[in-house]
PDB file of N, CA and C in Angstrom:
ATOM      1  N   MET A   1     109.179  43.206 164.174  1.00  0.00           N
ATOM      2  CA  MET A   1     110.749  42.990 163.647  1.00  0.00           C
ATOM      3  C   MET A   1     109.961  41.805 162.099  1.00  0.00           C
ATOM      4  N   ALA A   2     109.208  40.811 162.562  1.00  0.00           N
ATOM      5  CA  ALA A   2     108.927  39.529 162.005  1.00  0.00           C
ATOM      6  C   ALA A   2     107.999  40.320 160.720  1.00  0.00           C
ATOM      7  N   ARG A   3     107.370  41.703 160.657  1.00  0.00           N
ATOM      8  CA  ARG A   3     106.773  42.075 159.862  1.00  0.00           C
ATOM      9  C   ARG A   3     107.666  43.068 158.641  1.00  0.00           C
ATOM     10  N   LEU A   4     108.802  43.418 159.160  1.00  0.00           N
ATOM     11  CA  LEU A   4     109.737  43.947 158.700  1.00  0.00           C
ATOM     12  C   LEU A   4     110.360  43.267 157.285  1.00  0.00           C
ATOM     13  N   VAL A   5     110.616  41.845 157.979  1.00  0.00           N
ATOM     14  CA  VAL A   5     111.172  40.880 157.090  1.00  0.00           C
ATOM     15  C   VAL A   5     110.294  40.254 156.017  1.00  0.00           C
ATOM     16  N   ASP A   6     108.739  40.463 156.774  1.00  0.00           N
ATOM     17  CA  ASP A   6     107.625  40.220 155.629  1.00  0.00           C
ATOM     18  C   ASP A   6     107.411  40.744 154.458  1.00  0.00           C
ATOM     19  N   ILE A   7     107.720  42.383 154.868  1.00  0.00           N
ATOM     20  CA  ILE A   7     107.796  43.227 153.966  1.00  0.00           C
ATOM     21  C   ILE A   7     109.083  43.692 152.909  1.00  0.00           C
ATOM     22  N   ALA A   8     110.089  42.982 153.191  1.00  0.00           N
ATOM     23  CA  ALA A   8     111.295  42.975 152.167  1.00  0.00           C
ATOM     24  C   ALA A   8     111.500  41.493 151.619  1.00  0.00           C
ATOM     25  N   ALA A   9     110.791  40.524 152.038  1.00  0.00           N
ATOM     26  CA  ALA A   9     110.451  39.367 151.291  1.00  0.00           C
ATOM     27  C   ALA A   9     109.751  39.637 150.241  1.00  0.00           C
ATOM     28  N   ALA A  10     108.281  39.884 150.407  1.00  0.00           N
ATOM     29  CA  ALA A  10     107.352  40.367 149.516  1.00  0.00           C
ATOM     30  C   ALA A  10     107.722  41.603 148.513  1.00  0.00           C
ATOM     31  N   PHE A  11     108.864  42.552 148.978  1.00  0.00           N
ATOM     32  CA  PHE A  11     109.391  43.261 147.962  1.00  0.00           C
ATOM     33  C   PHE A  11     110.549  42.882 147.138  1.00  0.00           C
ATOM     34  N   LEU A  12     111.481  41.649 147.941  1.00  0.00           N
ATOM     35  CA  LEU A  12     112.158  40.602 146.793  1.00  0.00           C
ATOM     36  C   LEU A  12     111.422  39.939 145.822  1.00  0.00           C
ATOM     37  N   ALA A  13     110.112  39.403 145.906  1.00  0.00           N
ATOM     38  CA  ALA A  13     109.406  38.571 145.381  1.00  0.00           C
ATOM     39  C   ALA A  13     109.100  39.321 144.224  1.00  0.00           C
ATOM     40  N   LEU A  14     108.925  40.470 144.247  1.00  0.00           N
ATOM     41  CA  LEU A  14     107.803  40.982 143.628  1.00  0.00           C
ATOM     42  C   LEU A  14     109.395  41.818 142.271  1.00  0.00           C
ATOM     43  N   SER A  15     110.268  42.167 143.024  1.00  0.00           N
ATOM     44  CA  SER A  15     111.353  42.730 142.442  1.00  0.00           C
ATOM     45  C   SER A  15     111.918  41.699 141.363  1.00  0.00           C
ATOM     46  N   SER A  16     112.229  40.306 141.697  1.00  0.00           N
ATOM     47  CA  SER A  16     112.616  39.367 140.842  1.00  0.00           C
ATOM     48  C   SER A  16     111.486  39.010 139.835  1.00  0.00           C
ATOM     49  N   ALA A  17     110.013  39.117 140.410  1.00  0.00           N
ATOM     50  CA  ALA A  17     108.978  38.644 139.139  1.00  0.00           C
ATOM     51  C   ALA A  17     109.173  39.784 138.114  1.00  0.00           C
ATOM     52  N   ILE A  18     109.487  41.130 138.431  1.00  0.00           N
ATOM     53  CA  ILE A  18     109.442  42.243 137.363  1.00  0.00           C
ATOM     54  C   ILE A  18     110.844  41.958 136.591  1.00  0.00           C
ATOM     55  N   ALA A  19     111.764  41.702 137.538  1.00  0.00           N
ATOM     56  CA  ALA A  19     112.998  41.354 136.680  1.00  0.00           C
ATOM     57  C   ALA A  19     112.957  39.985 135.803  1.00  0.00           C
ATOM     58  N   LEU A  20     112.655  38.761 136.018  1.00  0.00           N
ATOM     59  CA  LEU A  20     112.149  37.705 135.373  1.00  0.00           C
ATOM     60  C   LEU A  20     111.369  37.975 134.109  1.00  0.00           C
ATOM     61  N   TYR A  21     110.740  38.489 134.365  1.00  0.00           N
ATOM     62  CA  TYR A  21     109.753  39.383 133.118  1.00  0.00           C
ATOM     63  C   TYR A  21     110.435  40.264 132.011  1.00  0.00           C
ATOM     64  N   GLY A  22     111.126  40.784 132.346  1.00  0.00           N
ATOM     65  CA  GLY A  22     111.712  41.339 131.650  1.00  0.00           C
ATOM     66  C   GLY A  22     112.851  40.715 131.098  1.00  0.00           C
ATOM     67  N   LEU A  23     113.607  40.056 131.707  1.00  0.00           N
ATOM     68  CA  LEU A  23     114.440  38.963 130.951  1.00  0.00           C
ATOM     69  C   LEU A  23     113.985  37.649 129.675  1.00  0.00           C
ATOM     70  N   LYS A  24     112.263  37.521 130.475  1.00  0.00           N
ATOM     71  CA  LYS A  24     111.535  36.558 129.062  1.00  0.00           C
ATOM     72  C   LYS A  24     111.352  37.530 128.218  1.00  0.00           C
ATOM     73  N   HIS A  25     110.976  38.600 128.358  1.00  0.00           N
ATOM     74  CA  HIS A  25     110.786  39.733 126.989  1.00  0.00           C
ATOM     75  C   HIS A  25     111.912  39.631 126.073  1.00  0.00           C
ATOM     76  N   ASP A  26     112.876  40.191 126.953  1.00  0.00           N
ATOM     77  CA  ASP A  26     114.393  40.473 126.141  1.00  0.00           C
ATOM     78  C   ASP A  26     114.204  38.726 125.088  1.00  0.00           C
ATOM     79  N   THR A  27     114.607  37.762 126.103  1.00  0.00           N
ATOM     80  CA  THR A  27     114.995  36.484 125.242  1.00  0.00           C
ATOM     81  C   THR A  27     113.959  36.201 124.134  1.00  0.00           C
ATOM     82  N   ARG A  28     112.605  36.551 124.325  1.00  0.00           N
ATOM     83  CA  ARG A  28     111.734  36.282 122.997  1.00  0.00           C
ATOM     84  C   ARG A  28     112.150  37.235 121.897  1.00  0.00           C
ATOM     85  N   ARG A  29     112.257  38.646 122.175  1.00  0.00           N
ATOM     86  CA  ARG A  29     113.041  39.142 120.999  1.00  0.00           C
ATOM     87  C   ARG A  29     114.254  38.915 120.808  1.00  0.00           C
ATOM     88  N   ILE A  30     114.992  38.622 121.497  1.00  0.00           N
ATOM     89  CA  ILE A  30     116.178  38.191 120.851  1.00  0.00           C
ATOM     90  C   ILE A  30     116.091  37.054 119.760  1.00  0.00           C
ATOM     91  N   GLU A  31     114.993  35.896 120.411  1.00  0.00           N
ATOM     92  CA  GLU A  31     114.679  34.552 119.693  1.00  0.00           C
ATOM     93  C   GLU A  31     114.205  35.213 118.069  1.00  0.00           C
ATOM     94  N   SER A  32     113.260  35.731 118.363  1.00  0.00           N
ATOM     95  CA  SER A  32     112.829  36.349 117.147  1.00  0.00           C
ATOM     96  C   SER A  32     113.707  36.861 116.049  1.00  0.00           C
ATOM     97  N   ARG A  33     114.655  37.882 116.766  1.00  0.00           N
ATOM     98  CA  ARG A  33     115.584  38.187 115.655  1.00  0.00           C
ATOM     99  C   ARG A  33     116.348  37.057 115.139  1.00  0.00           C
ATOM    100  N   VAL A  34     116.830  36.330 115.753  1.00  0.00           N
ATOM    101  CA  VAL A  34     117.430  34.868 115.768  1.00  0.00           C
ATOM    102  C   VAL A  34     116.834  33.988 114.559  1.00  0.00           C
ATOM    103  N   GLN A  35     115.624  33.860 114.915  1.00  0.00           N
ATOM    104  CA  GLN A  35     114.985  33.020 113.716  1.00  0.00           C
ATOM    105  C   GLN A  35     114.906  33.926 112.494  1.00  0.00           C
ATOM    106  N   ALA A  36     114.633  35.063 112.502  1.00  0.00           N
ATOM    107  CA  ALA A  36     114.545  36.024 111.152  1.00  0.00           C
ATOM    108  C   ALA A  36     115.689  36.252 110.343  1.00  0.00           C
ATOM    109  N   GLN A  37     116.540  35.978 111.279  1.00  0.00           N
ATOM    110  CA  GLN A  37     117.896  36.042 110.234  1.00  0.00           C
ATOM    111  C   GLN A  37     118.337  34.695 109.828  1.00  0.00           C
ATOM    112  N   GLU A  38     117.989  33.653 110.415  1.00  0.00           N
ATOM    113  CA  GLU A  38     117.967  31.845 109.928  1.00  0.00           C
ATOM    114  C   GLU A  38     117.258  31.962 108.915  1.00  0.00           C
ATOM    115  N   ARG A  39     116.199  32.648 108.684  1.00  0.00           N
ATOM    116  CA  ARG A  39     115.194  32.566 107.729  1.00  0.00           C
ATOM    117  C   ARG A  39     115.776  33.235 106.503  1.00  0.00           C
ATOM    118  N   THR A  40     116.613  34.291 106.711  1.00  0.00           N
ATOM    119  CA  THR A  40     117.291  35.150 105.727  1.00  0.00           C
ATOM    120  C   THR A  40     118.448  34.224 104.753  1.00  0.00           C
ATOM    121  N   ALA A  41     119.373  34.040 105.994  1.00  0.00           N
ATOM    122  CA  ALA A  41     120.238  32.937 105.397  1.00  0.00           C
ATOM    123  C   ALA A  41     119.561  31.778 104.678  1.00  0.00           C
ATOM    124  N   GLU A  42     118.804  31.043 104.802  1.00  0.00           N
ATOM    125  CA  GLU A  42     118.335  29.969 104.232  1.00  0.00           C
ATOM    126  C   GLU A  42     117.911  29.918 102.950  1.00  0.00           C
ATOM    127  N   LYS A  43     117.269  31.502 102.992  1.00  0.00           N
ATOM    128  CA  LYS A  43     116.746  32.190 101.703  1.00  0.00           C
ATOM    129  C   LYS A  43     117.722  32.554 100.561  1.00  0.00           C
ATOM    130  N   THR A  44     118.919  32.943 101.458  1.00  0.00           N
ATOM    131  CA  THR A  44     119.777  33.460 100.453  1.00  0.00           C
ATOM    132  C   THR A  44     121.162  32.108 100.214  1.00  0.00           C
ATOM    133  N   GLU A  45     120.917  31.040 100.649  1.00  0.00           N
ATOM    134  CA  GLU A  45     121.576  29.808 100.436  1.00  0.00           C
ATOM    135  C   GLU A  45     120.798  29.239  99.618  1.00  0.00           C
ATOM    136  N   ARG A  46     119.331  29.378  99.153  1.00  0.00           N
ATOM    137  CA  ARG A  46     118.719  28.735  98.148  1.00  0.00           C
ATOM    138  C   ARG A  46     118.815  29.808  96.693  1.00  0.00           C
ATOM    139  N   GLU A  47     118.849  31.228  97.245  1.00  0.00           N
ATOM    140  CA  GLU A  47     119.009  31.763  95.677  1.00  0.00           C
ATOM    141  C   GLU A  47     120.845  31.541  95.429  1.00  0.00           C
ATOM    142  N   ILE A  48     121.651  31.327  96.160  1.00  0.00           N
ATOM    143  CA  ILE A  48     123.095  30.886  95.680  1.00  0.00           C
ATOM    144  C   ILE A  48     123.038  29.762  95.040  1.00  0.00           C
ATOM    145  N   ALA A  49     122.243  28.428  95.121  1.00  0.00           N
ATOM    146  CA  ALA A  49     121.981  27.315  94.627  1.00  0.00           C
ATOM    147  C   ALA A  49     121.548  27.901  93.441  1.00  0.00           C
ATOM    148  N   VAL A  50     120.650  28.696  93.158  1.00  0.00           N
ATOM    149  CA  VAL A  50     119.912  28.734  92.055  1.00  0.00           C
ATOM    150  C   VAL A  50     120.331  29.477  90.746  1.00  0.00           C
ATOM    151  N   LEU A  51     121.393  30.356  91.385  1.00  0.00           N
ATOM    152  CA  LEU A  51     122.256  31.364  90.681  1.00  0.00           C
ATOM    153  C   LEU A  51     123.587  30.380  90.107  1.00  0.00           C
ATOM    154  N   LYS A  52     124.353  29.442  91.019  1.00  0.00           N
ATOM    155  CA  LYS A  52     125.229  28.651  90.449  1.00  0.00           C
ATOM    156  C   LYS A  52     124.458  27.719  89.242  1.00  0.00           C
ATOM    157  N   ALA A  53     123.208  27.221  89.419  1.00  0.00           N
ATOM    158  CA  ALA A  53     122.540  26.215  88.541  1.00  0.00           C
ATOM    159  C   ALA A  53     122.499  27.013  87.225  1.00  0.00           C
ATOM    160  N   GLU A  54     122.416  28.216  87.461  1.00  0.00           N
ATOM    161  CA  GLU A  54     122.356  29.125  86.262  1.00  0.00           C
ATOM    162  C   GLU A  54     123.494  29.343  85.612  1.00  0.00           C
ATOM    163  N   ARG A  55     124.253  30.096  86.482  1.00  0.00           N
ATOM    164  CA  ARG A  55     125.908  29.557  85.933  1.00  0.00           C
ATOM    165  C   ARG A  55     126.181  28.702  85.072  1.00  0.00           C
ATOM    166  N   ALA A  56     125.989  27.113  85.492  1.00  0.00           N
ATOM    167  CA  ALA A  56     126.652  26.313  85.099  1.00  0.00           C
ATOM    168  C   ALA A  56     125.486  25.924  83.974  1.00  0.00           C
ATOM    169  N   TYR A  57     124.371  26.551  83.606  1.00  0.00           N
ATOM    170  CA  TYR A  57     123.691  26.135  82.679  1.00  0.00           C
ATOM    171  C   TYR A  57     124.401  26.932  81.377  1.00  0.00           C
ATOM    172  N   LEU A  58     124.692  28.397  82.184  1.00  0.00           N
ATOM    173  CA  LEU A  58     124.831  29.605  80.873  1.00  0.00           C
ATOM    174  C   LEU A  58     126.440  29.030  80.400  1.00  0.00           C
ATOM    175  N   GLY A  59     127.333  28.700  80.956  1.00  0.00           N
ATOM    176  CA  GLY A  59     128.030  28.870  80.957  1.00  0.00           C
ATOM    177  C   GLY A  59     128.786  27.074  79.851  1.00  0.00           C
ATOM    178  N   ARG A  60     127.546  26.404  79.820  1.00  0.00           N
ATOM    179  CA  ARG A  60     127.949  25.321  78.872  1.00  0.00           C
ATOM    180  C   ARG A  60     128.973  25.755  77.734  1.00  0.00           C
ATOM    181  N   PRO A  61     130.026  24.883  77.063  1.00  0.00           N
ATOM    182  CA  PRO A  61     130.492  25.422  76.133  1.00  0.00           C
ATOM    183  C   PRO A  61     129.768  25.394  74.902  1.00  0.00           C
ATOM    184  N   GLU A  62     128.883  24.150  74.901  1.00  0.00           N
ATOM    185  CA  GLU A  62     128.363  23.939  73.505  1.00  0.00           C
ATOM    186  C   GLU A  62     127.052  24.993  73.303  1.00  0.00           C
ATOM    187  N   ARG A  63     126.720  25.971  74.153  1.00  0.00           N
ATOM    188  CA  ARG A  63     125.471  26.827  73.869  1.00  0.00           C
ATOM    189  C   ARG A  63     126.524  28.355  73.709  1.00  0.00           C
ATOM    190  N   ILE A  64     127.564  28.295  74.148  1.00  0.00           N
ATOM    191  CA  ILE A  64     128.413  29.671  73.944  1.00  0.00           C
ATOM    192  C   ILE A  64     128.646  29.648  72.525  1.00  0.00           C
ATOM    193  N   GLU A  65     129.111  28.350  71.911  1.00  0.00           N
ATOM    194  CA  GLU A  65     129.694  28.052  70.391  1.00  0.00           C
ATOM    195  C   GLU A  65     128.595  28.427  69.908  1.00  0.00           C
ATOM    196  N   LYS A  66     127.419  27.868  70.237  1.00  0.00           N
ATOM    197  CA  LYS A  66     126.322  28.115  69.197  1.00  0.00           C
ATOM    198  C   LYS A  66     125.789  29.606  69.098  1.00  0.00           C
ATOM    199  N   LEU A  67     126.128  30.339  70.274  1.00  0.00           N
ATOM    200  CA  LEU A  67     125.963  31.872  70.295  1.00  0.00           C
ATOM    201  C   LEU A  67     126.701  32.885  69.423  1.00  0.00           C
ATOM    202  N   ALA A  68     128.213  32.366  69.645  1.00  0.00           N
ATOM    203  CA  ALA A  68     129.130  33.057  69.301  1.00  0.00           C
ATOM    204  C   ALA A  68     129.442  32.496  67.782  1.00  0.00           C
ATOM    205  N   ARG A  69     128.982  31.197  67.471  1.00  0.00           N
ATOM    206  CA  ARG A  69     128.985  31.499  65.835  1.00  0.00           C
ATOM    207  C   ARG A  69     127.605  32.134  64.912  1.00  0.00           C
ATOM    208  N   ALA A  70     126.441  32.648  65.995  1.00  0.00           N
ATOM    209  CA  ALA A  70     125.696  33.352  65.312  1.00  0.00           C
ATOM    210  C   ALA A  70     125.981  34.339  65.152  1.00  0.00           C
ATOM    211  N   GLN A  71     126.939  35.224  66.252  1.00  0.00           N
ATOM    212  CA  GLN A  71     127.445  36.432  65.570  1.00  0.00           C
ATOM    213  C   GLN A  71     128.577  36.643  65.240  1.00  0.00           C
ATOM    214  N   GLY A  72     128.631  35.413  64.190  1.00  0.00           N
ATOM    215  CA  GLY A  72     129.801  35.538  63.470  1.00  0.00           C
ATOM    216  C   GLY A  72     131.060  35.550  63.758  1.00  0.00           C
ATOM    217  N   MET A  73     131.416  35.127  65.059  1.00  0.00           N
ATOM    218  CA  MET A  73     132.740  34.516  65.458  1.00  0.00           C
ATOM    219  C   MET A  73     133.388  32.941  65.160  1.00  0.00           C
ATOM    220  N   GLU A  74     134.206  32.979  65.054  1.00  0.00           N
ATOM    221  CA  GLU A  74     135.077  31.757  64.866  1.00  0.00           C
ATOM    222  C   GLU A  74     136.198  31.302  65.892  1.00  0.00           C
ATOM    223  N   PRO A  75     136.272  29.925  65.938  1.00  0.00           N
ATOM    224  CA  PRO A  75     138.143  29.783  66.705  1.00  0.00           C
ATOM    225  C   PRO A  75     138.959  30.401  66.292  1.00  0.00           C
ATOM    226  N   VAL A  76     139.990  30.567  67.094  1.00  0.00           N
ATOM    227  CA  VAL A  76     140.903  31.140  66.603  1.00  0.00           C
ATOM    228  C   VAL A  76     142.130  30.208  65.468  1.00  0.00           C
ATOM    229  N   ARG A  77     142.189  31.066  64.807  1.00  0.00           N
ATOM    230  CA  ARG A  77     143.462  30.054  63.888  1.00  0.00           C
ATOM    231  C   ARG A  77     144.732  30.485  63.817  1.00  0.00           C
ATOM    232  N   GLU A  78     145.678  29.397  63.410  1.00  0.00           N
ATOM    233  CA  GLU A  78     146.804  29.301  64.121  1.00  0.00           C
ATOM    234  C   GLU A  78     147.418  30.477  63.496  1.00  0.00           C
ATOM    235  N   ARG A  79     146.899  31.045  62.125  1.00  0.00           N
ATOM    236  CA  ARG A  79     147.641  31.977  61.459  1.00  0.00           C
ATOM    237  C   ARG A  79     147.199  33.347  62.296  1.00  0.00           C
ATOM    238  N   GLN A  80     146.478  33.685  62.981  1.00  0.00           N
ATOM    239  CA  GLN A  80     146.260  34.721  63.820  1.00  0.00           C
ATOM    240  C   GLN A  80     147.198  35.282  65.043  1.00  0.00           C
ATOM    241  N   TYR A  81     147.902  34.089  65.484  1.00  0.00           N
ATOM    242  CA  TYR A  81     148.694  34.317  66.119  1.00  0.00           C
ATOM    243  C   TYR A  81     150.199  34.870  65.866  1.00  0.00           C
ATOM    244  N   VAL A  82     150.278  35.987  66.798  1.00  0.00           N
ATOM    245  CA  VAL A  82     151.452  37.307  66.503  1.00  0.00           C
ATOM    246  C   VAL A  82     152.364  37.392  67.587  1.00  0.00           C
ATOM    247  N   ARG A  83     153.838  37.111  66.779  1.00  0.00           N
ATOM    248  CA  ARG A  83     154.866  37.023  68.395  1.00  0.00           C
ATOM    249  C   ARG A  83     155.017  38.546  68.419  1.00  0.00           C
ATOM    250  N   ILE A  84     155.572  38.734  69.804  1.00  0.00           N
ATOM    251  CA  ILE A  84     155.611  40.006  70.119  1.00  0.00           C
ATOM    252  C   ILE A  84     156.588  40.731  69.241  1.00  0.00           C
ATOM    253  N   ASP A  85     157.614  40.106  68.761  1.00  0.00           N
ATOM    254  CA  ASP A  85     158.109  41.180  67.453  1.00  0.00           C
ATOM    255  C   ASP A  85     157.727  41.485  66.130  1.00  0.00           C
ATOM    256  N   GLY A  86     156.480  41.160  66.273  1.00  0.00           N
ATOM    257  CA  GLY A  86     155.171  41.338  65.499  1.00  0.00           C
ATOM    258  C   GLY A  86     155.427  40.267  64.057  1.00  0.00           C
ATOM    259  N   SER A  87     156.345  39.722  64.084  1.00  0.00           N
ATOM    260  CA  SER A  87     156.563  38.624  62.886  1.00  0.00           C
ATOM    261  C   SER A  87     155.189  37.444  63.146  1.00  0.00           C
ATOM    262  N   ARG A  88     154.414  36.723  62.011  1.00  0.00           N
ATOM    263  CA  ARG A  88     153.859  35.887  62.297  1.00  0.00           C
ATOM    264  C   ARG A  88     154.211  34.752  62.363  1.00  0.00           C
ATOM    265  N   ASP A  89     153.866  33.756  63.049  1.00  0.00           N
ATOM    266  CA  ASP A  89     154.313  32.206  63.124  1.00  0.00           C
ATOM    267  C   ASP A  89     153.264  31.099  62.563  1.00  0.00           C
ATOM    268  N   ASP A  90     154.046  30.534  61.976  1.00  0.00           N
ATOM    269  CA  ASP A  90     153.274  29.595  61.126  1.00  0.00           C
ATOM    270  C   ASP A  90     152.218  28.278  61.578  1.00  0.00           C
ATOM    271  N   GLY A  91     152.681  28.344  63.330  1.00  0.00           N
ATOM    272  CA  GLY A  91     152.257  26.987  64.076  1.00  0.00           C
ATOM    273  C   GLY A  91     152.549  26.943  65.275  1.00  0.00           C
ATOM    274  N   ILE A  92     151.747  26.732  66.328  1.00  0.00           N
ATOM    275  CA  ILE A  92     151.721  26.279  67.518  1.00  0.00           C
ATOM    276  C   ILE A  92     152.850  25.390  67.924  1.00  0.00           C
ATOM    277  N   ALA A  93     152.766  24.464  67.231  1.00  0.00           N
ATOM    278  CA  ALA A  93     154.077  23.286  67.497  1.00  0.00           C
ATOM    279  C   ALA A  93     155.312  23.876  67.584  1.00  0.00           C
ATOM    280  N   ARG A  94     155.754  24.973  66.833  1.00  0.00           N
ATOM    281  CA  ARG A  94     156.897  25.487  66.908  1.00  0.00           C
ATOM    282  C   ARG A  94     157.478  26.457  68.191  1.00  0.00           C
ATOM    283  N   ILE A  95     155.940  27.196  68.749  1.00  0.00           N
ATOM    284  CA  ILE A  95     156.146  27.944  69.512  1.00  0.00           C
ATOM    285  C   ILE A  95     155.983  26.810  70.877  1.00  0.00           C
ATOM    286  N   LEU A  96     155.702  25.571  70.932  1.00  0.00           N
ATOM    287  CA  LEU A  96     155.564  24.775  72.472  1.00  0.00           C
ATOM    288  C   LEU A  96     157.175  24.512  72.261  1.00  0.00           C
ATOM    289  N   ASP A  97     157.689  23.874  71.292  1.00  0.00           N
ATOM    290  CA  ASP A  97     159.131  23.652  71.305  1.00  0.00           C
ATOM    291  C   ASP A  97     160.149  24.344  71.170  1.00  0.00           C
ATOM    292  N   LYS A  98     159.879  25.784  71.464  1.00  0.00           N
ATOM    293  CA  LYS A  98     160.596  26.880  71.887  1.00  0.00           C
ATOM    294  C   LYS A  98     161.610  26.875  70.814  1.00  0.00           C
ATOM    295  N   PRO A  99     161.637  27.141  69.267  1.00  0.00           N
ATOM    296  CA  PRO A  99     162.627  27.092  68.464  1.00  0.00           C
ATOM    297  C   PRO A  99     163.329  28.615  68.544  1.00  0.00           C
ATOM    298  N   ASP A 100     164.506  28.144  67.701  1.00  0.00           N
ATOM    299  CA  ASP A 100     165.361  29.553  67.512  1.00  0.00           C
ATOM    300  C   ASP A 100     164.614  30.530  66.593  1.00  0.00           C
ATOM    301  N   ILE A 101     164.297  31.602  67.150  1.00  0.00           N
ATOM    302  CA  ILE A 101     163.984  32.645  66.466  1.00  0.00           C
ATOM    303  C   ILE A 101     164.251  32.929  64.986  1.00  0.00           C
ATOM    304  N   ASP A 102     165.497  32.803  64.842  1.00  0.00           N
ATOM    305  CA  ASP A 102     166.296  33.090  63.173  1.00  0.00           C
ATOM    306  C   ASP A 102     166.010  32.016  62.898  1.00  0.00           C
ATOM    307  N   ALA A 103     165.333  30.718  63.118  1.00  0.00           N
ATOM    308  CA  ALA A 103     165.518  29.854  62.509  1.00  0.00           C
ATOM    309  C   ALA A 103     163.929  29.685  61.837  1.00  0.00           C
ATOM    310  N   LEU A 104     162.966  30.351  62.689  1.00  0.00           N
ATOM    311  CA  LEU A 104     161.696  30.239  61.846  1.00  0.00           C
ATOM    312  C   LEU A 104     161.748  31.073  60.384  1.00  0.00           C
ATOM    313  N   PRO A 105     160.691  30.318  59.618  1.00  0.00           N
ATOM    314  CA  PRO A 105     160.446  31.214  58.167  1.00  0.00           C
ATOM    315  C   PRO A 105     159.670  32.508  58.537  1.00  0.00           C
ATOM    316  N   SER A 106     159.869  34.009  58.008  1.00  0.00           N
ATOM    317  CA  SER A 106     159.392  34.951  57.999  1.00  0.00           C
ATOM    318  C   SER A 106     158.839  35.026  56.749  1.00  0.00           C
ATOM    319  N   ASP A 107     157.593  35.854  57.113  1.00  0.00           N
ATOM    320  CA  ASP A 107     156.757  36.280  55.863  1.00  0.00           C
ATOM    321  C   ASP A 107     157.152  37.579  55.601  1.00  0.00           C
ATOM    322  N   ASP A 108     157.981  37.736  55.170  1.00  0.00           N
ATOM    323  CA  ASP A 108     159.063  39.133  54.444  1.00  0.00           C
ATOM    324  C   ASP A 108     157.987  40.287  53.616  1.00  0.00           C
ATOM    325  N   ALA A 109     157.197  39.245  52.765  1.00  0.00           N
ATOM    326  CA  ALA A 109     156.357  40.075  51.605  1.00  0.00           C
ATOM    327  C   ALA A 109     155.202  40.306  51.840  1.00  0.00           C
ATOM    328  N   GLU A 110     154.531  39.819  53.065  1.00  0.00           N
ATOM    329  CA  GLU A 110     153.257  40.297  53.623  1.00  0.00           C
ATOM    330  C   GLU A 110     153.596  41.534  55.030  1.00  0.00           C
ATOM    331  N   ALA A 111     152.938  42.450  55.326  1.00  0.00           N
ATOM    332  CA  ALA A 111     153.123  43.329  56.805  1.00  0.00           C
ATOM    333  C   ALA A 111     152.877  42.388  58.097  1.00  0.00           C
ATOM    334  N   PRO A 112     153.247  42.753  58.794  1.00  0.00           N
ATOM    335  CA  PRO A 112     152.983  42.085  59.963  1.00  0.00           C
ATOM    336  C   PRO A 112     151.626  42.247  60.385  1.00  0.00           C
ATOM    337  N   GLN A 113     151.001  41.007  61.083  1.00  0.00           N
ATOM    338  CA  GLN A 113     149.364  41.301  60.945  1.00  0.00           C
ATOM    339  C   GLN A 113     148.923  42.049  62.509  1.00  0.00           C
ATOM    340  N   SER A 114     148.474  42.600  62.902  1.00  0.00           N
ATOM    341  CA  SER A 114     147.888  42.998  64.147  1.00  0.00           C
ATOM    342  C   SER A 114     147.191  42.038  65.133  1.00  0.00           C
ATOM    343  N   ALA A 115     147.415  42.209  66.145  1.00  0.00           N
ATOM    344  CA  ALA A 115     146.857  41.140  67.030  1.00  0.00           C
ATOM    345  C   ALA A 115     145.525  41.861  67.395  1.00  0.00           C
ATOM    346  N   GLU A 116     144.476  42.059  66.600  1.00  0.00           N
ATOM    347  CA  GLU A 116     143.403  42.351  66.859  1.00  0.00           C
ATOM    348  C   GLU A 116     142.636  41.146  66.271  1.00  0.00           C
ATOM    349  N   PRO A 117     141.253  40.841  66.797  1.00  0.00           N
ATOM    350  CA  PRO A 117     140.533  39.459  66.514  1.00  0.00           C
ATOM    351  C   PRO A 117     140.227  39.894  65.049  1.00  0.00           C
ATOM    352  N   GLY A 118     139.332  38.863  64.287  1.00  0.00           N
ATOM    353  CA  GLY A 118     139.278  39.311  62.960  1.00  0.00           C
ATOM    354  C   GLY A 118     137.619  39.713  63.225  1.00  0.00           C
ATOM    355  N   PRO A 119     136.782  39.977  61.874  1.00  0.00           N
ATOM    356  CA  PRO A 119     135.844  40.717  61.493  1.00  0.00           C
ATOM    357  C   PRO A 119     134.493  40.012  62.664  1.00  0.00           C
ATOM    358  N   ARG A 120     134.046  40.718  63.093  1.00  0.00           N
ATOM    359  CA  ARG A 120     132.630  40.003  64.135  1.00  0.00           C
ATOM    360  C   ARG A 120     131.309  40.150  63.859  1.00  0.00           C
TER     361      ARG A 120
END
């Protein structure tokens, strides 16, 4: 009977060693995947920081204004604003004060301007 207990104990010890080896191998594999994902996340965060810096540089108003003027663009002038009814307004201040539409001077002599921007 003692021999049977010895064989069972040896079998359980061997089974435990095999199971422990399998768990250790799985743990190392999972750890390597996690480390790879962490490296990818860090790389992505660095790339995002670079893109944000580039966007901040490219979006500077003085840089955009210089490029726009080089292409012949100009700031919008008050005379380029057109009301929905097609008549031109002679100033932004009147729009902000919400005047009576009939009280505004109209340019009957001129045809209404289109809402398209000027030449480029």
